[in-house]
Amino acid sequence: MTFVATCIETTARHLNTDYKEVFLRMVRVGMIDNYIIPNYEPLHSESRDVLAERLIECLKNWENRL
């Protein structure tokens, strides 16, 4: 769960928003359980900047599907 927290905080920093908002957005689209946790190994090896870019892209794509 430490990595999930890092993902949320890093994404929030890059979006210049509150981590709680990012968490709620990720929960709403199922991103934590269906993307971050299952893809821990490849995501964990990325730099924080690249990780944030990937997570933001994924979050926006998943939100657009709702």
Protein backbone atom coordinates (compact mmCIF):
# COMPACT_ATOMS: atom_id res chain seq x y z
CA MET A 1 0.00 0.00 0.00
CA THR A 2 3.00 2.31 0.35
CA PHE A 3 3.42 2.27 -3.41
CA VAL A 4 -0.27 3.12 -3.92
CA ALA A 5 0.14 6.11 -1.58
CA THR A 6 3.22 7.20 -3.53
CA CYS A 7 1.26 6.96 -6.78
CA ILE A 8 -1.57 9.07 -5.40
CA GLU A 9 0.72 11.72 -3.91
CA THR A 10 2.93 11.93 -7.01
CA THR A 11 -0.09 12.26 -9.29
CA ALA A 12 -1.62 14.93 -7.05
CA ARG A 13 1.62 16.92 -7.08
CA HIS A 14 1.82 16.81 -10.87
CA LEU A 15 -1.83 17.85 -11.18
CA ASN A 16 -1.34 20.53 -8.53
CA THR A 17 -4.32 19.26 -6.58
CA ASP A 18 -5.14 17.64 -3.26
CA TYR A 19 -4.23 13.97 -2.84
CA LYS A 20 -7.71 13.24 -1.47
CA GLU A 21 -9.28 14.36 -4.75
CA VAL A 22 -6.89 12.16 -6.74
CA PHE A 23 -7.62 9.21 -4.46
CA LEU A 24 -11.37 9.61 -4.92
CA ARG A 25 -10.99 9.91 -8.70
CA MET A 26 -8.86 6.76 -8.80
CA VAL A 27 -11.32 4.84 -6.63
CA ARG A 28 -14.26 5.97 -8.75
CA VAL A 29 -12.75 4.48 -11.92
CA GLY A 30 -11.25 1.42 -10.21
CA MET A 31 -7.71 2.39 -11.06
CA ILE A 32 -6.06 1.31 -7.81
CA ASP A 33 -7.37 -2.26 -7.86
CA ASN A 34 -7.37 -2.72 -11.63
CA TYR A 35 -4.25 -0.88 -12.75
CA ILE A 36 -1.82 0.19 -10.01
CA ILE A 37 -1.75 -2.96 -7.88
CA PRO A 38 -1.71 -5.48 -10.76
CA ASN A 39 1.03 -3.48 -12.54
CA TYR A 40 3.19 -2.87 -9.49
CA GLU A 41 6.38 -4.33 -10.98
CA PRO A 42 6.55 -2.31 -14.22
CA LEU A 43 5.21 0.88 -12.59
CA HIS A 44 7.57 0.60 -9.63
CA SER A 45 10.58 0.66 -11.94
CA GLU A 46 9.64 4.04 -13.47
CA SER A 47 10.92 7.41 -12.32
CA ARG A 48 8.39 9.49 -10.41
CA ASP A 49 7.94 11.88 -13.32
CA VAL A 50 7.27 9.08 -15.80
CA LEU A 51 5.05 7.33 -13.26
CA ALA A 52 2.98 10.48 -12.79
CA GLU A 53 2.62 10.96 -16.54
CA ARG A 54 1.42 7.37 -17.01
CA LEU A 55 -1.01 7.56 -14.10
CA ILE A 56 -2.46 10.89 -15.23
CA GLU A 57 -2.94 9.58 -18.76
CA CYS A 58 -4.58 6.41 -17.46
CA LEU A 59 -6.82 8.32 -15.04
CA LYS A 60 -8.04 10.70 -17.72
CA ASN A 61 -8.67 7.87 -20.20
CA TRP A 62 -10.58 5.84 -17.64
CA GLU A 63 -12.64 8.87 -16.57
CA ASN A 64 -13.53 9.56 -20.21
CA ARG A 65 -14.98 6.05 -20.50
CA LEU A 66 -17.50 6.73 -17.71
